[in-house]
Amino acid sequence: NKVLLSDFDAWHCVLNDGFCAISEEEDRLFDQGKLTITK
């Protein structure tokens, strides 16, 4: 309860100010502005 675990590679989405997509389709839809989830 004193440690917050995360995925090292996915953390780079935060470091690089990018969207953390879970599929190619979602990534494409985000780039087109068609998702309601924010970066």
PDB file of all heavy atoms in Angstrom:
ATOM      1  N   ASN A   1       0.805  -1.222   0.000  1.00  0.00           N
ATOM      2  CA  ASN A   1       0.000   0.000   0.000  1.00  0.00           C
ATOM      3  C   ASN A   1       0.840   1.275   0.000  1.00  0.00           C
ATOM      4  O   ASN A   1       0.304   2.375  -0.050  1.00  0.00           O
ATOM      5  CB  ASN A   1      -0.974   0.008   1.175  1.00  0.00           C
ATOM      6  CG  ASN A   1      -0.286   0.084   2.525  1.00  0.00           C
ATOM      7  OD1 ASN A   1       0.900  -0.209   2.658  1.00  0.00           O
ATOM      8  ND2 ASN A   1      -1.034   0.471   3.534  1.00  0.00           N
ATOM      9  N   LYS A   2       2.164   1.148   0.012  1.00  0.00           N
ATOM     10  CA  LYS A   2       3.065   2.303  -0.034  1.00  0.00           C
ATOM     11  C   LYS A   2       3.800   2.416  -1.375  1.00  0.00           C
ATOM     12  O   LYS A   2       4.686   3.249  -1.538  1.00  0.00           O
ATOM     13  CB  LYS A   2       4.108   2.217   1.092  1.00  0.00           C
ATOM     14  CG  LYS A   2       3.509   2.221   2.476  1.00  0.00           C
ATOM     15  CD  LYS A   2       2.922   3.565   2.788  1.00  0.00           C
ATOM     16  CE  LYS A   2       2.407   3.608   4.209  1.00  0.00           C
ATOM     17  NZ  LYS A   2       1.655   4.809   4.488  1.00  0.00           N
ATOM     18  N   VAL A   3       3.424   1.540  -2.329  1.00  0.00           N
ATOM     19  CA  VAL A   3       4.078   1.520  -3.642  1.00  0.00           C
ATOM     20  C   VAL A   3       3.009   1.610  -4.726  1.00  0.00           C
ATOM     21  O   VAL A   3       2.003   0.897  -4.681  1.00  0.00           O
ATOM     22  CB  VAL A   3       4.912   0.241  -3.836  1.00  0.00           C
ATOM     23  CG1 VAL A   3       5.501   0.173  -5.244  1.00  0.00           C
ATOM     24  CG2 VAL A   3       6.022   0.158  -2.793  1.00  0.00           C
ATOM     25  N   LEU A   4       3.228   2.490  -5.692  1.00  0.00           N
ATOM     26  CA  LEU A   4       2.355   2.607  -6.851  1.00  0.00           C
ATOM     27  C   LEU A   4       3.090   2.009  -8.046  1.00  0.00           C
ATOM     28  O   LEU A   4       4.124   2.541  -8.478  1.00  0.00           O
ATOM     29  CB  LEU A   4       2.006   4.075  -7.099  1.00  0.00           C
ATOM     30  CG  LEU A   4       1.124   4.378  -8.307  1.00  0.00           C
ATOM     31  CD1 LEU A   4      -0.195   3.607  -8.246  1.00  0.00           C
ATOM     32  CD2 LEU A   4       0.880   5.875  -8.413  1.00  0.00           C
ATOM     33  N   LEU A   5       2.580   0.894  -8.556  1.00  0.00           N
ATOM     34  CA  LEU A   5       3.208   0.195  -9.677  1.00  0.00           C
ATOM     35  C   LEU A   5       2.660   0.714 -11.002  1.00  0.00           C
ATOM     36  O   LEU A   5       1.497   1.088 -11.110  1.00  0.00           O
ATOM     37  CB  LEU A   5       2.946  -1.303  -9.581  1.00  0.00           C
ATOM     38  CG  LEU A   5       3.529  -2.015  -8.363  1.00  0.00           C
ATOM     39  CD1 LEU A   5       3.099  -3.476  -8.363  1.00  0.00           C
ATOM     40  CD2 LEU A   5       5.037  -1.883  -8.306  1.00  0.00           C
ATOM     41  N   SER A   6       3.531   0.697 -12.019  1.00  0.00           N
ATOM     42  CA  SER A   6       3.118   1.104 -13.364  1.00  0.00           C
ATOM     43  C   SER A   6       3.975   0.388 -14.396  1.00  0.00           C
ATOM     44  O   SER A   6       5.002  -0.217 -14.074  1.00  0.00           O
ATOM     45  CB  SER A   6       3.233   2.621 -13.530  1.00  0.00           C
ATOM     46  OG  SER A   6       4.570   3.059 -13.381  1.00  0.00           O
ATOM     47  N   ASP A   7       3.538   0.472 -15.638  1.00  0.00           N
ATOM     48  CA  ASP A   7       4.258  -0.119 -16.761  1.00  0.00           C
ATOM     49  C   ASP A   7       5.332   0.866 -17.233  1.00  0.00           C
ATOM     50  O   ASP A   7       5.022   2.008 -17.585  1.00  0.00           O
ATOM     51  CB  ASP A   7       3.269  -0.426 -17.884  1.00  0.00           C
ATOM     52  CG  ASP A   7       3.918  -1.088 -19.075  1.00  0.00           C
ATOM     53  OD1 ASP A   7       4.646  -0.382 -19.817  1.00  0.00           O
ATOM     54  OD2 ASP A   7       3.700  -2.291 -19.280  1.00  0.00           O
ATOM     55  N   PHE A   8       6.581   0.427 -17.248  1.00  0.00           N
ATOM     56  CA  PHE A   8       7.700   1.290 -17.617  1.00  0.00           C
ATOM     57  C   PHE A   8       7.548   1.847 -19.035  1.00  0.00           C
ATOM     58  O   PHE A   8       7.752   3.043 -19.271  1.00  0.00           O
ATOM     59  CB  PHE A   8       9.019   0.511 -17.486  1.00  0.00           C
ATOM     60  CG  PHE A   8      10.211   1.232 -18.026  1.00  0.00           C
ATOM     61  CD1 PHE A   8      10.774   2.294 -17.327  1.00  0.00           C
ATOM     62  CD2 PHE A   8      10.792   0.866 -19.229  1.00  0.00           C
ATOM     63  CE1 PHE A   8      11.887   2.975 -17.817  1.00  0.00           C
ATOM     64  CE2 PHE A   8      11.898   1.529 -19.728  1.00  0.00           C
ATOM     65  CZ  PHE A   8      12.445   2.585 -19.017  1.00  0.00           C
ATOM     66  N   ASP A   9       7.203   0.988 -19.990  1.00  0.00           N
ATOM     67  CA  ASP A   9       7.086   1.464 -21.373  1.00  0.00           C
ATOM     68  C   ASP A   9       5.918   2.431 -21.532  1.00  0.00           C
ATOM     69  O   ASP A   9       6.048   3.458 -22.203  1.00  0.00           O
ATOM     70  CB  ASP A   9       6.941   0.279 -22.334  1.00  0.00           C
ATOM     71  CG  ASP A   9       8.227  -0.531 -22.436  1.00  0.00           C
ATOM     72  OD1 ASP A   9       9.322   0.069 -22.371  1.00  0.00           O
ATOM     73  OD2 ASP A   9       8.146  -1.767 -22.588  1.00  0.00           O
ATOM     74  N   ALA A  10       4.777   2.127 -20.919  1.00  0.00           N
ATOM     75  CA  ALA A  10       3.615   3.008 -21.018  1.00  0.00           C
ATOM     76  C   ALA A  10       3.869   4.352 -20.333  1.00  0.00           C
ATOM     77  O   ALA A  10       3.322   5.381 -20.744  1.00  0.00           O
ATOM     78  CB  ALA A  10       2.379   2.326 -20.438  1.00  0.00           C
ATOM     79  N   TRP A  11       4.716   4.369 -19.298  1.00  0.00           N
ATOM     80  CA  TRP A  11       5.085   5.616 -18.616  1.00  0.00           C
ATOM     81  C   TRP A  11       5.659   6.623 -19.615  1.00  0.00           C
ATOM     82  O   TRP A  11       5.517   7.833 -19.460  1.00  0.00           O
ATOM     83  CB  TRP A  11       6.069   5.301 -17.494  1.00  0.00           C
ATOM     84  CG  TRP A  11       6.886   6.449 -16.968  1.00  0.00           C
ATOM     85  CD1 TRP A  11       8.241   6.566 -17.011  1.00  0.00           C
ATOM     86  CD2 TRP A  11       6.424   7.626 -16.276  1.00  0.00           C
ATOM     87  NE1 TRP A  11       8.643   7.745 -16.415  1.00  0.00           N
ATOM     88  CE2 TRP A  11       7.542   8.413 -15.952  1.00  0.00           C
ATOM     89  CE3 TRP A  11       5.172   8.098 -15.921  1.00  0.00           C
ATOM     90  CZ2 TRP A  11       7.456   9.636 -15.290  1.00  0.00           C
ATOM     91  CZ3 TRP A  11       5.077   9.317 -15.254  1.00  0.00           C
ATOM     92  CH2 TRP A  11       6.219  10.064 -14.938  1.00  0.00           C
ATOM     93  N   HIS A  12       6.256   6.128 -20.686  1.00  0.00           N
ATOM     94  CA  HIS A  12       6.828   7.029 -21.684  1.00  0.00           C
ATOM     95  C   HIS A  12       5.756   7.828 -22.431  1.00  0.00           C
ATOM     96  O   HIS A  12       6.060   8.878 -22.995  1.00  0.00           O
ATOM     97  CB  HIS A  12       7.743   6.256 -22.628  1.00  0.00           C
ATOM     98  CG  HIS A  12       9.033   5.884 -21.950  1.00  0.00           C
ATOM     99  ND1 HIS A  12       9.125   4.841 -21.054  1.00  0.00           N
ATOM    100  CD2 HIS A  12      10.251   6.447 -21.990  1.00  0.00           C
ATOM    101  CE1 HIS A  12      10.356   4.770 -20.589  1.00  0.00           C
ATOM    102  NE2 HIS A  12      11.060   5.743 -21.140  1.00  0.00           N
ATOM    103  N   CYS A  13       4.505   7.354 -22.428  1.00  0.00           N
ATOM    104  CA  CYS A  13       3.414   8.178 -22.979  1.00  0.00           C
ATOM    105  C   CYS A  13       3.283   9.457 -22.157  1.00  0.00           C
ATOM    106  O   CYS A  13       3.081  10.534 -22.701  1.00  0.00           O
ATOM    107  CB  CYS A  13       2.089   7.417 -22.951  1.00  0.00           C
ATOM    108  SG  CYS A  13       2.008   6.016 -24.080  1.00  0.00           S
ATOM    109  N   VAL A  14       3.399   9.317 -20.843  1.00  0.00           N
ATOM    110  CA  VAL A  14       3.316  10.482 -19.958  1.00  0.00           C
ATOM    111  C   VAL A  14       4.545  11.368 -20.168  1.00  0.00           C
ATOM    112  O   VAL A  14       4.421  12.579 -20.350  1.00  0.00           O
ATOM    113  CB  VAL A  14       3.197  10.050 -18.480  1.00  0.00           C
ATOM    114  CG1 VAL A  14       3.091  11.263 -17.571  1.00  0.00           C
ATOM    115  CG2 VAL A  14       2.008   9.114 -18.273  1.00  0.00           C
ATOM    116  N   LEU A  15       5.725  10.753 -20.153  1.00  0.00           N
ATOM    117  CA  LEU A  15       6.965  11.521 -20.327  1.00  0.00           C
ATOM    118  C   LEU A  15       6.987  12.292 -21.647  1.00  0.00           C
ATOM    119  O   LEU A  15       7.502  13.405 -21.710  1.00  0.00           O
ATOM    120  CB  LEU A  15       8.190  10.595 -20.277  1.00  0.00           C
ATOM    121  CG  LEU A  15       8.616  10.086 -18.918  1.00  0.00           C
ATOM    122  CD1 LEU A  15       9.771   9.092 -19.076  1.00  0.00           C
ATOM    123  CD2 LEU A  15       9.019  11.223 -17.995  1.00  0.00           C
ATOM    124  N   ASN A  16       6.426  11.680 -22.690  1.00  0.00           N
ATOM    125  CA  ASN A  16       6.453  12.295 -24.024  1.00  0.00           C
ATOM    126  C   ASN A  16       5.170  13.050 -24.357  1.00  0.00           C
ATOM    127  O   ASN A  16       4.981  13.459 -25.494  1.00  0.00           O
ATOM    128  CB  ASN A  16       6.725  11.220 -25.075  1.00  0.00           C
ATOM    129  CG  ASN A  16       8.102  10.617 -24.901  1.00  0.00           C
ATOM    130  OD1 ASN A  16       9.076  11.331 -24.682  1.00  0.00           O
ATOM    131  ND2 ASN A  16       8.182   9.296 -24.968  1.00  0.00           N
ATOM    132  N   ASP A  17       4.286  13.202 -23.346  1.00  0.00           N
ATOM    133  CA  ASP A  17       3.051  13.961 -23.517  1.00  0.00           C
ATOM    134  C   ASP A  17       2.201  13.403 -24.652  1.00  0.00           C
ATOM    135  O   ASP A  17       1.643  14.142 -25.461  1.00  0.00           O
ATOM    136  CB  ASP A  17       3.361  15.450 -23.750  1.00  0.00           C
ATOM    137  CG  ASP A  17       2.154  16.343 -23.532  1.00  0.00           C
ATOM    138  OD1 ASP A  17       1.286  15.999 -22.714  1.00  0.00           O
ATOM    139  OD2 ASP A  17       2.069  17.390 -24.213  1.00  0.00           O
ATOM    140  N   GLY A  18       2.116  12.046 -24.711  1.00  0.00           N
ATOM    141  CA  GLY A  18       1.357  11.397 -25.770  1.00  0.00           C
ATOM    142  C   GLY A  18       0.164  10.623 -25.238  1.00  0.00           C
ATOM    143  O   GLY A  18       0.026  10.396 -24.033  1.00  0.00           O
ATOM    144  N   PHE A  19      -0.693  10.207 -26.139  1.00  0.00           N
ATOM    145  CA  PHE A  19      -1.872   9.418 -25.809  1.00  0.00           C
ATOM    146  C   PHE A  19      -1.455   7.978 -25.537  1.00  0.00           C
ATOM    147  O   PHE A  19      -0.627   7.414 -26.257  1.00  0.00           O
ATOM    148  CB  PHE A  19      -2.868   9.480 -26.976  1.00  0.00           C
ATOM    149  CG  PHE A  19      -4.147   8.743 -26.735  1.00  0.00           C
ATOM    150  CD1 PHE A  19      -5.080   9.224 -25.832  1.00  0.00           C
ATOM    151  CD2 PHE A  19      -4.427   7.571 -27.421  1.00  0.00           C
ATOM    152  CE1 PHE A  19      -6.278   8.549 -25.608  1.00  0.00           C
ATOM    153  CE2 PHE A  19      -5.622   6.901 -27.208  1.00  0.00           C
ATOM    154  CZ  PHE A  19      -6.541   7.385 -26.300  1.00  0.00           C
ATOM    155  N   CYS A  20      -2.014   7.352 -24.520  1.00  0.00           N
ATOM    156  CA  CYS A  20      -1.703   5.962 -24.162  1.00  0.00           C
ATOM    157  C   CYS A  20      -2.821   5.059 -24.699  1.00  0.00           C
ATOM    158  O   CYS A  20      -3.765   4.718 -23.986  1.00  0.00           O
ATOM    159  CB  CYS A  20      -1.553   5.813 -22.647  1.00  0.00           C
ATOM    160  SG  CYS A  20      -0.973   4.185 -22.136  1.00  0.00           S
ATOM    161  N   ALA A  21      -2.699   4.704 -25.966  1.00  0.00           N
ATOM    162  CA  ALA A  21      -3.713   3.888 -26.640  1.00  0.00           C
ATOM    163  C   ALA A  21      -3.553   2.417 -26.266  1.00  0.00           C
ATOM    164  O   ALA A  21      -2.444   1.957 -25.986  1.00  0.00           O
ATOM    165  CB  ALA A  21      -3.583   4.052 -28.149  1.00  0.00           C
ATOM    166  N   ILE A  22      -4.676   1.682 -26.313  1.00  0.00           N
ATOM    167  CA  ILE A  22      -4.589   0.235 -26.066  1.00  0.00           C
ATOM    168  C   ILE A  22      -4.776  -0.571 -27.348  1.00  0.00           C
ATOM    169  O   ILE A  22      -4.649  -1.784 -27.340  1.00  0.00           O
ATOM    170  CB  ILE A  22      -5.587  -0.228 -24.980  1.00  0.00           C
ATOM    171  CG1 ILE A  22      -7.007   0.159 -25.322  1.00  0.00           C
ATOM    172  CG2 ILE A  22      -5.182   0.314 -23.621  1.00  0.00           C
ATOM    173  CD1 ILE A  22      -8.045  -0.443 -24.397  1.00  0.00           C
ATOM    174  N   SER A  23      -5.054   0.135 -28.461  1.00  0.00           N
ATOM    175  CA  SER A  23      -5.144  -0.536 -29.759  1.00  0.00           C
ATOM    176  C   SER A  23      -4.781   0.460 -30.856  1.00  0.00           C
ATOM    177  O   SER A  23      -4.850   1.674 -30.654  1.00  0.00           O
ATOM    178  CB  SER A  23      -6.562  -1.077 -29.998  1.00  0.00           C
ATOM    179  OG  SER A  23      -7.466  -0.009 -30.184  1.00  0.00           O
ATOM    180  N   GLU A  24      -4.427  -0.078 -32.004  1.00  0.00           N
ATOM    181  CA  GLU A  24      -4.124   0.774 -33.172  1.00  0.00           C
ATOM    182  C   GLU A  24      -5.356   1.586 -33.565  1.00  0.00           C
ATOM    183  O   GLU A  24      -5.253   2.766 -33.898  1.00  0.00           O
ATOM    184  CB  GLU A  24      -3.665  -0.083 -34.359  1.00  0.00           C
ATOM    185  CG  GLU A  24      -2.342  -0.794 -34.148  1.00  0.00           C
ATOM    186  CD  GLU A  24      -1.147   0.127 -34.252  1.00  0.00           C
ATOM    187  OE1 GLU A  24      -1.279   1.275 -34.732  1.00  0.00           O
ATOM    188  OE2 GLU A  24      -0.061  -0.305 -33.831  1.00  0.00           O
ATOM    189  N   GLU A  25      -6.523   0.945 -33.492  1.00  0.00           N
ATOM    190  CA  GLU A  25      -7.774   1.617 -33.840  1.00  0.00           C
ATOM    191  C   GLU A  25      -8.040   2.794 -32.909  1.00  0.00           C
ATOM    192  O   GLU A  25      -8.403   3.889 -33.353  1.00  0.00           O
ATOM    193  CB  GLU A  25      -8.941   0.612 -33.786  1.00  0.00           C
ATOM    194  CG  GLU A  25     -10.307   1.231 -34.003  1.00  0.00           C
ATOM    195  CD  GLU A  25     -10.559   1.705 -35.442  1.00  0.00           C
ATOM    196  OE1 GLU A  25      -9.718   1.470 -36.327  1.00  0.00           O
ATOM    197  OE2 GLU A  25     -11.597   2.344 -35.663  1.00  0.00           O
ATOM    198  N   GLU A  26      -7.845   2.580 -31.618  1.00  0.00           N
ATOM    199  CA  GLU A  26      -8.065   3.661 -30.658  1.00  0.00           C
ATOM    200  C   GLU A  26      -7.077   4.805 -30.903  1.00  0.00           C
ATOM    201  O   GLU A  26      -7.442   5.978 -30.834  1.00  0.00           O
ATOM    202  CB  GLU A  26      -7.926   3.149 -29.230  1.00  0.00           C
ATOM    203  CG  GLU A  26      -8.271   4.226 -28.220  1.00  0.00           C
ATOM    204  CD  GLU A  26      -8.023   3.831 -26.787  1.00  0.00           C
ATOM    205  OE1 GLU A  26      -6.892   3.368 -26.484  1.00  0.00           O
ATOM    206  OE2 GLU A  26      -8.944   4.000 -25.976  1.00  0.00           O
ATOM    207  N   ASP A  27      -5.843   4.470 -31.216  1.00  0.00           N
ATOM    208  CA  ASP A  27      -4.837   5.489 -31.504  1.00  0.00           C
ATOM    209  C   ASP A  27      -5.254   6.324 -32.714  1.00  0.00           C
ATOM    210  O   ASP A  27      -5.173   7.556 -32.695  1.00  0.00           O
ATOM    211  CB  ASP A  27      -3.484   4.805 -31.742  1.00  0.00           C
ATOM    212  CG  ASP A  27      -2.324   5.771 -31.669  1.00  0.00           C
ATOM    213  OD1 ASP A  27      -2.339   6.675 -30.806  1.00  0.00           O
ATOM    214  OD2 ASP A  27      -1.388   5.614 -32.472  1.00  0.00           O
ATOM    215  N   ARG A  28      -5.745   5.657 -33.742  1.00  0.00           N
ATOM    216  CA  ARG A  28      -6.202   6.342 -34.953  1.00  0.00           C
ATOM    217  C   ARG A  28      -7.398   7.249 -34.640  1.00  0.00           C
ATOM    218  O   ARG A  28      -7.433   8.409 -35.049  1.00  0.00           O
ATOM    219  CB  ARG A  28      -6.560   5.305 -36.022  1.00  0.00           C
ATOM    220  CG  ARG A  28      -6.947   5.899 -37.366  1.00  0.00           C
ATOM    221  CD  ARG A  28      -7.299   4.834 -38.391  1.00  0.00           C
ATOM    222  NE  ARG A  28      -8.469   4.049 -38.008  1.00  0.00           N
ATOM    223  CZ  ARG A  28      -9.737   4.505 -38.037  1.00  0.00           C
ATOM    224  NH1 ARG A  28      -9.984   5.733 -38.417  1.00  0.00           N
ATOM    225  NH2 ARG A  28     -10.739   3.726 -37.688  1.00  0.00           N
ATOM    226  N   LEU A  29      -8.351   6.722 -33.871  1.00  0.00           N
ATOM    227  CA  LEU A  29      -9.536   7.509 -33.525  1.00  0.00           C
ATOM    228  C   LEU A  29      -9.177   8.722 -32.668  1.00  0.00           C
ATOM    229  O   LEU A  29      -9.755   9.799 -32.834  1.00  0.00           O
ATOM    230  CB  LEU A  29     -10.573   6.634 -32.810  1.00  0.00           C
ATOM    231  CG  LEU A  29     -11.251   5.578 -33.667  1.00  0.00           C
ATOM    232  CD1 LEU A  29     -12.084   4.639 -32.800  1.00  0.00           C
ATOM    233  CD2 LEU A  29     -12.092   6.230 -34.755  1.00  0.00           C
ATOM    234  N   PHE A  30      -8.217   8.549 -31.774  1.00  0.00           N
ATOM    235  CA  PHE A  30      -7.780   9.683 -30.954  1.00  0.00           C
ATOM    236  C   PHE A  30      -7.169  10.765 -31.841  1.00  0.00           C
ATOM    237  O   PHE A  30      -7.487  11.947 -31.699  1.00  0.00           O
ATOM    238  CB  PHE A  30      -6.787   9.252 -29.877  1.00  0.00           C
ATOM    239  CG  PHE A  30      -6.324  10.402 -29.026  1.00  0.00           C
ATOM    240  CD1 PHE A  30      -7.121  10.888 -27.996  1.00  0.00           C
ATOM    241  CD2 PHE A  30      -5.102  11.025 -29.271  1.00  0.00           C
ATOM    242  CE1 PHE A  30      -6.712  11.972 -27.222  1.00  0.00           C
ATOM    243  CE2 PHE A  30      -4.689  12.107 -28.506  1.00  0.00           C
ATOM    244  CZ  PHE A  30      -5.495  12.575 -27.478  1.00  0.00           C
ATOM    245  N   ASP A  31      -6.308  10.346 -32.765  1.00  0.00           N
ATOM    246  CA  ASP A  31      -5.675  11.309 -33.676  1.00  0.00           C
ATOM    247  C   ASP A  31      -6.703  12.055 -34.526  1.00  0.00           C
ATOM    248  O   ASP A  31      -6.485  13.208 -34.899  1.00  0.00           O
ATOM    249  CB  ASP A  31      -4.673  10.600 -34.593  1.00  0.00           C
ATOM    250  CG  ASP A  31      -3.411  10.186 -33.864  1.00  0.00           C
ATOM    251  OD1 ASP A  31      -3.158  10.691 -32.743  1.00  0.00           O
ATOM    252  OD2 ASP A  31      -2.672   9.325 -34.397  1.00  0.00           O
ATOM    253  N   GLN A  32      -7.825  11.408 -34.800  1.00  0.00           N
ATOM    254  CA  GLN A  32      -8.895  12.036 -35.596  1.00  0.00           C
ATOM    255  C   GLN A  32      -9.856  12.850 -34.726  1.00  0.00           C
ATOM    256  O   GLN A  32     -10.798  13.438 -35.244  1.00  0.00           O
ATOM    257  CB  GLN A  32      -9.676  10.960 -36.352  1.00  0.00           C
ATOM    258  CG  GLN A  32      -8.863  10.250 -37.402  1.00  0.00           C
ATOM    259  CD  GLN A  32      -9.627   9.071 -38.019  1.00  0.00           C
ATOM    260  OE1 GLN A  32     -10.708   8.697 -37.583  1.00  0.00           O
ATOM    261  NE2 GLN A  32      -9.040   8.491 -39.060  1.00  0.00           N
ATOM    262  N   GLY A  33      -9.627  12.871 -33.404  1.00  0.00           N
ATOM    263  CA  GLY A  33     -10.493  13.623 -32.513  1.00  0.00           C
ATOM    264  C   GLY A  33     -11.851  12.977 -32.291  1.00  0.00           C
ATOM    265  O   GLY A  33     -12.827  13.661 -31.961  1.00  0.00           O
ATOM    266  N   LYS A  34     -11.945  11.669 -32.464  1.00  0.00           N
ATOM    267  CA  LYS A  34     -13.223  10.963 -32.375  1.00  0.00           C
ATOM    268  C   LYS A  34     -13.419  10.205 -31.057  1.00  0.00           C
ATOM    269  O   LYS A  34     -14.326   9.379 -30.972  1.00  0.00           O
ATOM    270  CB  LYS A  34     -13.367   9.986 -33.549  1.00  0.00           C
ATOM    271  CG  LYS A  34     -13.439  10.683 -34.901  1.00  0.00           C
ATOM    272  CD  LYS A  34     -13.613   9.690 -36.013  1.00  0.00           C
ATOM    273  CE  LYS A  34     -13.739  10.403 -37.353  1.00  0.00           C
ATOM    274  NZ  LYS A  34     -13.869   9.445 -38.461  1.00  0.00           N
ATOM    275  N   LEU A  35     -12.603  10.470 -30.057  1.00  0.00           N
ATOM    276  CA  LEU A  35     -12.750   9.801 -28.759  1.00  0.00           C
ATOM    277  C   LEU A  35     -13.135  10.822 -27.697  1.00  0.00           C
ATOM    278  O   LEU A  35     -12.783  11.994 -27.795  1.00  0.00           O
ATOM    279  CB  LEU A  35     -11.445   9.117 -28.341  1.00  0.00           C
ATOM    280  CG  LEU A  35     -10.979   7.926 -29.172  1.00  0.00           C
ATOM    281  CD1 LEU A  35      -9.672   7.393 -28.606  1.00  0.00           C
ATOM    282  CD2 LEU A  35     -12.022   6.825 -29.192  1.00  0.00           C
ATOM    283  N   THR A  36     -13.812  10.347 -26.664  1.00  0.00           N
ATOM    284  CA  THR A  36     -14.162  11.243 -25.561  1.00  0.00           C
ATOM    285  C   THR A  36     -13.105  11.215 -24.463  1.00  0.00           C
ATOM    286  O   THR A  36     -13.051  12.120 -23.642  1.00  0.00           O
ATOM    287  CB  THR A  36     -15.527  10.869 -24.952  1.00  0.00           C
ATOM    288  OG1 THR A  36     -15.477   9.510 -24.512  1.00  0.00           O
ATOM    289  CG2 THR A  36     -16.635  11.053 -25.965  1.00  0.00           C
ATOM    290  N   ILE A  37     -12.245  10.207 -24.446  1.00  0.00           N
ATOM    291  CA  ILE A  37     -11.187  10.125 -23.441  1.00  0.00           C
ATOM    292  C   ILE A  37     -10.089  11.144 -23.782  1.00  0.00           C
ATOM    293  O   ILE A  37      -9.720  11.304 -24.950  1.00  0.00           O
ATOM    294  CB  ILE A  37     -10.615   8.688 -23.348  1.00  0.00           C
ATOM    295  CG1 ILE A  37      -9.595   8.586 -22.204  1.00  0.00           C
ATOM    296  CG2 ILE A  37     -10.003   8.242 -24.661  1.00  0.00           C
ATOM    297  CD1 ILE A  37      -9.097   7.181 -21.933  1.00  0.00           C
ATOM    298  N   THR A  38      -9.606  11.838 -22.772  1.00  0.00           N
ATOM    299  CA  THR A  38      -8.527  12.798 -22.998  1.00  0.00           C
ATOM    300  C   THR A  38      -7.178  12.095 -22.922  1.00  0.00           C
ATOM    301  O   THR A  38      -7.065  10.973 -22.401  1.00  0.00           O
ATOM    302  CB  THR A  38      -8.545  13.918 -21.940  1.00  0.00           C
ATOM    303  OG1 THR A  38      -8.217  13.349 -20.665  1.00  0.00           O
ATOM    304  CG2 THR A  38      -9.899  14.624 -21.896  1.00  0.00           C
ATOM    305  N   LYS A  39      -6.175  12.768 -23.407  1.00  0.00           N
ATOM    306  CA  LYS A  39      -4.812  12.241 -23.326  1.00  0.00           C
ATOM    307  C   LYS A  39      -4.445  11.970 -21.866  1.00  0.00           C
ATOM    308  O   LYS A  39      -3.915  10.908 -21.535  1.00  0.00           O
ATOM    309  CB  LYS A  39      -3.855  13.252 -23.962  1.00  0.00           C
ATOM    310  CG  LYS A  39      -2.397  12.917 -23.835  1.00  0.00           C
ATOM    311  CD  LYS A  39      -1.524  13.972 -24.503  1.00  0.00           C
ATOM    312  CE  LYS A  39      -1.796  15.335 -23.911  1.00  0.00           C
ATOM    313  NZ  LYS A  39      -1.005  16.408 -24.500  1.00  0.00           N
TER     314      LYS A  39
END
